[in-house]
Amino acid sequence: MLIALVQIIKSMTIRTKLAITFTMMWVTSVAVFLFVSFSNHPDGLYSSSQNTILVLSVCVGVISFLAFVFCLNKSLKSNTIKEKYHRENSKGARISNKYILAFIWLIIGLFGGFYGSNYYYRVVEVDPAYISTSSSTDMIRLINKDRIAVGLQPLTENKLLDQSARNKACDMRDKNYFEHVSPDGKEPWVFMDAVGYKYTTAGENIAVAYNSTKKLALGYMKSESHRDNILNPEYTEVGVGECGMYSVEHFGSRK
C-alpha cells in the first residue's frame, strides 16, 4: 500500500503536489485555531502566547488557502485550454470551471468570515485590552490573570470591598487628594470598616487618570508596591471602585 501511495505521489504534477501541501497547511491551521479558541481559559482571557498562535494560524490559513486556490485555478485554466482543442464542448467546460471557481471564492469568504468573527468575539470582545473604559469585572479578571501566571489562586470579588473601594475613590475626588491616607487622617481600613468588611489582612491600590482597563492593570504591575498587593498570597478577595478619574482596588481576607 505504501509503495502504491509513493507511485501515486510520483505521478502527480508539481502543481498538484503543491495544492495538496497547501490544503494540509490550511486544515492544520484551522485545527490549531479551533483548539486554542475553544480550549479552557481559567481567567477568561487569552495569554500572549495564545494570541500569537491565533494570529499565526490565521495568517498561515489564509495564505495557504489562497495558494491552494491559485494552484487549482491554474490547473483549471490549463485543462480548459486543452479541452478547447480536444473537445467540442469546450464552452461547457469553461462554464463549469467558472462555477467551480465561484464556489471556491465563496468558501474563501466564509473562511475569512469565520476567522474574523471568531477572533473578534473571543479576543476583542473578551480581552479588556481592547475596552476603552474600565469596569470592575474586567479589572478583576486581569488581576487574576496575573496571579494565575505565577501560580497563585484567583481572588473572589467581594461586593463590600467594591463599595469600600468606590467610597475611597469618591473621597479622593471630593477632597482633591491622591494618597492612601486622606487629609483628615482616614486610612484605607476606615473605608472597609465603614461597609462592614471584617478582615484579617488588607491592602489598597490607588491610581488616577487612566483611560483603559489594560493600561491601568499594566500601571499597577509596573509599581512594586501595587504589584505586591496583586500578587499577595494572603489575600482571598478583592473589590474595585471608580469615581471620576480615580481608581481604587481593595484587597482582603475575611476573619
Protein backbone atom coordinates (compact mmCIF):
# COMPACT_ATOMS: atom_id res chain seq x y z
CA MET A 1 0.00 0.00 0.00
CA LEU A 2 2.86 2.35 0.86
CA ILE A 3 4.54 1.59 -2.46
CA ALA A 4 1.31 2.33 -4.30
CA LEU A 5 1.00 5.64 -2.45
CA VAL A 6 4.56 6.56 -3.39
CA GLN A 7 3.84 5.77 -7.03
CA ILE A 8 0.74 7.94 -6.97
CA ILE A 9 2.69 10.85 -5.47
CA LYS A 10 5.44 10.45 -8.10
CA SER A 11 2.85 10.54 -10.87
CA MET A 12 1.42 13.84 -9.64
CA THR A 13 2.34 17.12 -11.23
CA ILE A 14 4.21 19.75 -9.21
CA ARG A 15 1.07 21.87 -9.15
CA THR A 16 -0.96 19.00 -7.69
CA LYS A 17 1.65 18.32 -5.02
CA LEU A 18 1.66 21.99 -4.07
CA ALA A 19 -2.14 22.05 -3.90
CA ILE A 20 -2.13 19.06 -1.52
CA THR A 21 0.58 20.64 0.63
CA PHE A 22 -1.31 23.92 0.91
CA THR A 23 -4.51 22.04 1.72
CA MET A 24 -2.79 20.21 4.59
CA MET A 25 -1.39 23.53 5.88
CA TRP A 26 -4.85 25.07 5.76
CA VAL A 27 -6.51 22.16 7.59
CA THR A 28 -3.77 22.22 10.23
CA SER A 29 -4.14 25.97 10.77
CA VAL A 30 -7.91 25.59 11.20
CA ALA A 31 -7.42 22.75 13.70
CA VAL A 32 -4.91 24.82 15.71
CA PHE A 33 -7.16 27.87 15.63
CA LEU A 34 -10.16 25.89 16.87
CA PHE A 35 -8.14 24.14 19.56
CA VAL A 36 -6.84 27.41 21.02
CA SER A 37 -10.17 29.22 20.57
CA PHE A 38 -12.26 26.66 22.39
CA SER A 39 -9.72 25.43 24.95
CA ASN A 40 -10.28 26.16 28.61
CA HIS A 41 -9.13 29.57 29.87
CA PRO A 42 -9.45 29.73 33.67
CA ASP A 43 -9.23 33.52 33.76
CA GLY A 44 -11.42 34.04 30.69
CA LEU A 45 -8.62 35.61 28.68
CA TYR A 46 -6.00 34.53 26.19
CA SER A 47 -2.36 34.61 27.16
CA SER A 48 0.09 36.50 24.93
CA SER A 49 1.37 33.19 23.51
CA GLN A 50 -2.18 32.06 22.72
CA ASN A 51 -2.88 35.36 20.98
CA THR A 52 0.29 34.90 18.94
CA ILE A 53 -0.74 31.35 17.96
CA LEU A 54 -4.19 32.59 16.91
CA VAL A 55 -2.75 35.33 14.72
CA LEU A 56 -0.19 32.98 13.15
CA SER A 57 -2.81 30.31 12.46
CA VAL A 58 -4.99 32.92 10.73
CA CYS A 59 -2.08 34.13 8.59
CA VAL A 60 -0.96 30.60 7.66
CA GLY A 61 -4.55 29.54 7.00
CA VAL A 62 -5.39 32.45 4.71
CA ILE A 63 -2.10 32.29 2.78
CA SER A 64 -2.20 28.51 2.33
CA PHE A 65 -5.84 28.55 1.24
CA LEU A 66 -5.22 31.32 -1.29
CA ALA A 67 -2.18 29.42 -2.57
CA PHE A 68 -4.32 26.30 -2.93
CA VAL A 69 -6.93 28.26 -4.89
CA PHE A 70 -4.20 29.71 -7.11
CA CYS A 71 -2.85 26.22 -7.90
CA LEU A 72 -6.35 24.92 -8.57
CA ASN A 73 -7.19 27.92 -10.73
CA LYS A 74 -4.05 27.39 -12.83
CA SER A 75 -4.93 23.72 -13.19
CA LEU A 76 -8.49 24.51 -14.27
CA LYS A 77 -7.33 27.08 -16.83
CA SER A 78 -4.81 24.61 -18.19
CA ASN A 79 -7.46 21.93 -18.53
CA THR A 80 -9.81 24.38 -20.20
CA ILE A 81 -7.20 25.26 -22.83
CA LYS A 82 -6.60 21.59 -23.55
CA GLU A 83 -10.31 20.89 -23.80
CA LYS A 84 -10.71 23.80 -26.20
CA TYR A 85 -8.63 21.98 -28.78
CA HIS A 86 -9.52 18.39 -27.96
CA ARG A 87 -13.21 18.54 -27.14
CA GLU A 88 -16.16 20.03 -28.95
CA ASN A 89 -17.88 21.10 -25.75
CA SER A 90 -15.02 23.30 -24.51
CA LYS A 91 -17.52 26.15 -23.88
CA GLY A 92 -19.44 23.97 -21.44
CA ALA A 93 -16.19 23.03 -19.71
CA ARG A 94 -15.27 26.68 -19.25
CA ILE A 95 -18.69 27.43 -17.79
CA SER A 96 -18.41 24.56 -15.33
CA ASN A 97 -14.95 25.80 -14.33
CA LYS A 98 -16.38 29.25 -13.62
CA TYR A 99 -18.96 27.71 -11.32
CA ILE A 100 -16.23 25.80 -9.54
CA LEU A 101 -14.16 28.96 -9.09
CA ALA A 102 -17.22 30.88 -7.85
CA PHE A 103 -17.79 28.16 -5.25
CA ILE A 104 -14.13 28.34 -4.19
CA TRP A 105 -14.32 32.11 -3.69
CA LEU A 106 -17.50 31.59 -1.66
CA ILE A 107 -15.58 29.21 0.59
CA ILE A 108 -12.81 31.83 0.92
CA GLY A 109 -15.40 34.40 2.05
CA LEU A 110 -16.92 32.03 4.59
CA PHE A 111 -13.46 31.00 5.75
CA GLY A 112 -12.38 34.63 6.26
CA GLY A 113 -15.67 35.46 7.96
CA PHE A 114 -15.24 32.57 10.36
CA TYR A 115 -11.71 33.60 11.27
CA GLY A 116 -12.60 37.26 11.63
CA SER A 117 -15.80 36.86 13.65
CA ASN A 118 -14.32 34.19 15.91
CA TYR A 119 -11.17 36.22 16.59
CA TYR A 120 -13.15 39.42 17.17
CA TYR A 121 -15.57 37.78 19.60
CA ARG A 122 -13.00 35.76 21.54
CA VAL A 123 -10.21 38.34 21.66
CA VAL A 124 -11.52 41.85 21.04
CA GLU A 125 -14.85 41.45 22.86
CA VAL A 126 -13.40 39.40 25.72
CA ASP A 127 -9.98 40.90 26.36
CA PRO A 128 -10.13 44.19 28.31
CA ALA A 129 -7.04 45.34 26.41
CA TYR A 130 -9.50 46.49 23.73
CA ILE A 131 -12.00 48.11 26.07
CA SER A 132 -11.65 51.91 26.34
CA THR A 133 -13.22 52.31 29.78
CA SER A 134 -12.58 50.41 32.98
CA SER A 135 -15.01 48.11 34.75
CA SER A 136 -14.66 46.13 37.96
CA THR A 137 -15.26 42.77 36.26
CA ASP A 138 -12.56 43.34 33.64
CA MET A 139 -10.04 44.60 36.19
CA ILE A 140 -10.58 41.63 38.48
CA ARG A 141 -10.12 39.27 35.56
CA LEU A 142 -6.79 40.93 34.78
CA ILE A 143 -5.76 40.75 38.43
CA ASN A 144 -6.50 37.03 38.44
CA LYS A 145 -4.69 36.58 35.15
CA ASP A 146 -1.51 37.99 36.74
CA ARG A 147 -1.99 35.82 39.85
CA ILE A 148 -2.59 32.62 37.91
CA ALA A 149 0.52 33.34 35.82
CA VAL A 150 2.68 32.99 38.95
CA GLY A 151 0.79 30.03 40.40
CA LEU A 152 -1.46 31.88 42.87
CA GLN A 153 -5.14 31.26 43.47
CA PRO A 154 -7.51 33.77 41.82
CA LEU A 155 -9.28 36.30 44.02
CA THR A 156 -13.04 36.36 44.54
CA GLU A 157 -14.90 39.61 44.04
CA ASN A 158 -16.48 40.92 47.25
CA LYS A 159 -19.27 43.47 46.97
CA LEU A 160 -18.36 45.07 50.29
CA LEU A 161 -14.83 45.67 49.03
CA ASP A 162 -16.28 47.04 45.78
CA GLN A 163 -18.22 49.56 47.85
CA SER A 164 -15.31 50.48 50.12
CA ALA A 165 -13.04 50.96 47.07
CA ARG A 166 -15.61 53.22 45.42
CA ASN A 167 -16.08 55.20 48.63
CA LYS A 168 -12.31 55.76 48.85
CA ALA A 169 -12.18 56.83 45.17
CA CYS A 170 -15.02 59.32 45.71
CA ASP A 171 -13.35 60.60 48.88
CA MET A 172 -10.18 61.36 46.87
CA ARG A 173 -12.24 63.09 44.19
CA ASP A 174 -14.31 65.16 46.60
CA LYS A 175 -11.36 66.22 48.77
CA ASN A 176 -8.93 66.57 45.87
CA TYR A 177 -6.09 64.35 47.11
CA PHE A 178 -4.24 61.27 45.92
CA GLU A 179 -2.84 59.41 48.91
CA HIS A 180 -3.57 56.27 50.90
CA VAL A 181 -4.28 58.46 53.93
CA SER A 182 -6.82 61.27 53.47
CA PRO A 183 -6.14 64.88 54.58
CA ASP A 184 -8.38 64.30 57.62
CA GLY A 185 -6.40 61.20 58.62
CA LYS A 186 -8.59 58.40 57.24
CA GLU A 187 -6.63 55.25 56.41
CA PRO A 188 -7.88 52.71 53.84
CA TRP A 189 -9.12 50.38 56.58
CA VAL A 190 -11.60 53.03 57.73
CA PHE A 191 -13.49 52.64 54.46
CA MET A 192 -13.53 48.84 54.81
CA ASP A 193 -14.77 49.07 58.40
CA ALA A 194 -17.49 51.51 57.33
CA VAL A 195 -19.09 48.97 54.95
CA GLY A 196 -18.80 46.12 57.47
CA TYR A 197 -15.93 44.17 55.93
CA LYS A 198 -14.22 42.19 58.70
CA TYR A 199 -10.67 41.35 57.65
CA THR A 200 -7.58 39.64 58.99
CA THR A 201 -5.32 41.31 56.44
CA ALA A 202 -6.00 44.01 53.85
CA GLY A 203 -4.34 46.21 51.25
CA GLU A 204 -5.09 49.06 48.87
CA ASN A 205 -4.02 50.14 45.38
CA ILE A 206 -4.87 53.61 44.06
CA ALA A 207 -4.48 55.16 40.62
CA VAL A 208 -5.56 58.29 38.78
CA ALA A 209 -6.17 59.37 35.18
CA TYR A 210 -6.07 56.01 33.35
CA ASN A 211 -8.40 55.74 30.35
CA SER A 212 -8.43 51.96 29.85
CA THR A 213 -8.55 48.84 31.95
CA LYS A 214 -5.46 47.31 30.38
CA LYS A 215 -3.33 50.44 30.84
CA LEU A 216 -4.43 50.66 34.46
CA ALA A 217 -3.59 46.98 35.09
CA LEU A 218 -0.16 47.40 33.48
CA GLY A 219 0.44 50.53 35.53
CA TYR A 220 -0.26 48.65 38.74
CA MET A 221 2.05 45.80 37.78
CA LYS A 222 4.91 48.21 36.99
CA SER A 223 4.77 49.57 40.53
CA GLU A 224 6.47 47.31 43.09
CA SER A 225 4.13 48.13 45.97
CA HIS A 226 0.98 47.74 43.85
CA ARG A 227 2.29 44.53 42.30
CA ASP A 228 3.00 43.14 45.78
CA ASN A 229 -0.67 43.65 46.68
CA ILE A 230 -1.90 42.00 43.49
CA LEU A 231 0.40 39.01 43.99
CA ASN A 232 -0.01 38.72 47.77
CA PRO A 233 -0.87 35.04 48.51
CA GLU A 234 -2.58 36.00 51.78
CA TYR A 235 -5.43 37.82 50.04
CA THR A 236 -8.53 35.87 49.02
CA GLU A 237 -10.92 38.65 47.97
CA VAL A 238 -10.83 41.89 46.04
CA GLY A 239 -13.04 44.85 45.25
CA VAL A 240 -12.64 47.56 42.62
CA GLY A 241 -14.17 51.02 42.61
CA GLU A 242 -14.02 54.16 40.48
CA CYS A 243 -15.13 57.73 40.97
CA GLY A 244 -14.29 60.37 38.40
CA MET A 245 -10.71 59.82 37.31
CA TYR A 246 -9.75 57.94 40.49
CA SER A 247 -9.46 54.14 40.65
CA VAL A 248 -9.09 52.01 43.77
CA GLU A 249 -8.50 48.33 44.48
CA HIS A 250 -9.17 46.90 47.94
CA PHE A 251 -7.74 43.51 48.87
CA GLY A 252 -8.52 41.42 51.90
CA SER A 253 -9.01 38.15 53.69
CA ARG A 254 -12.05 37.83 55.97
CA LYS A 255 -11.99 36.67 59.56
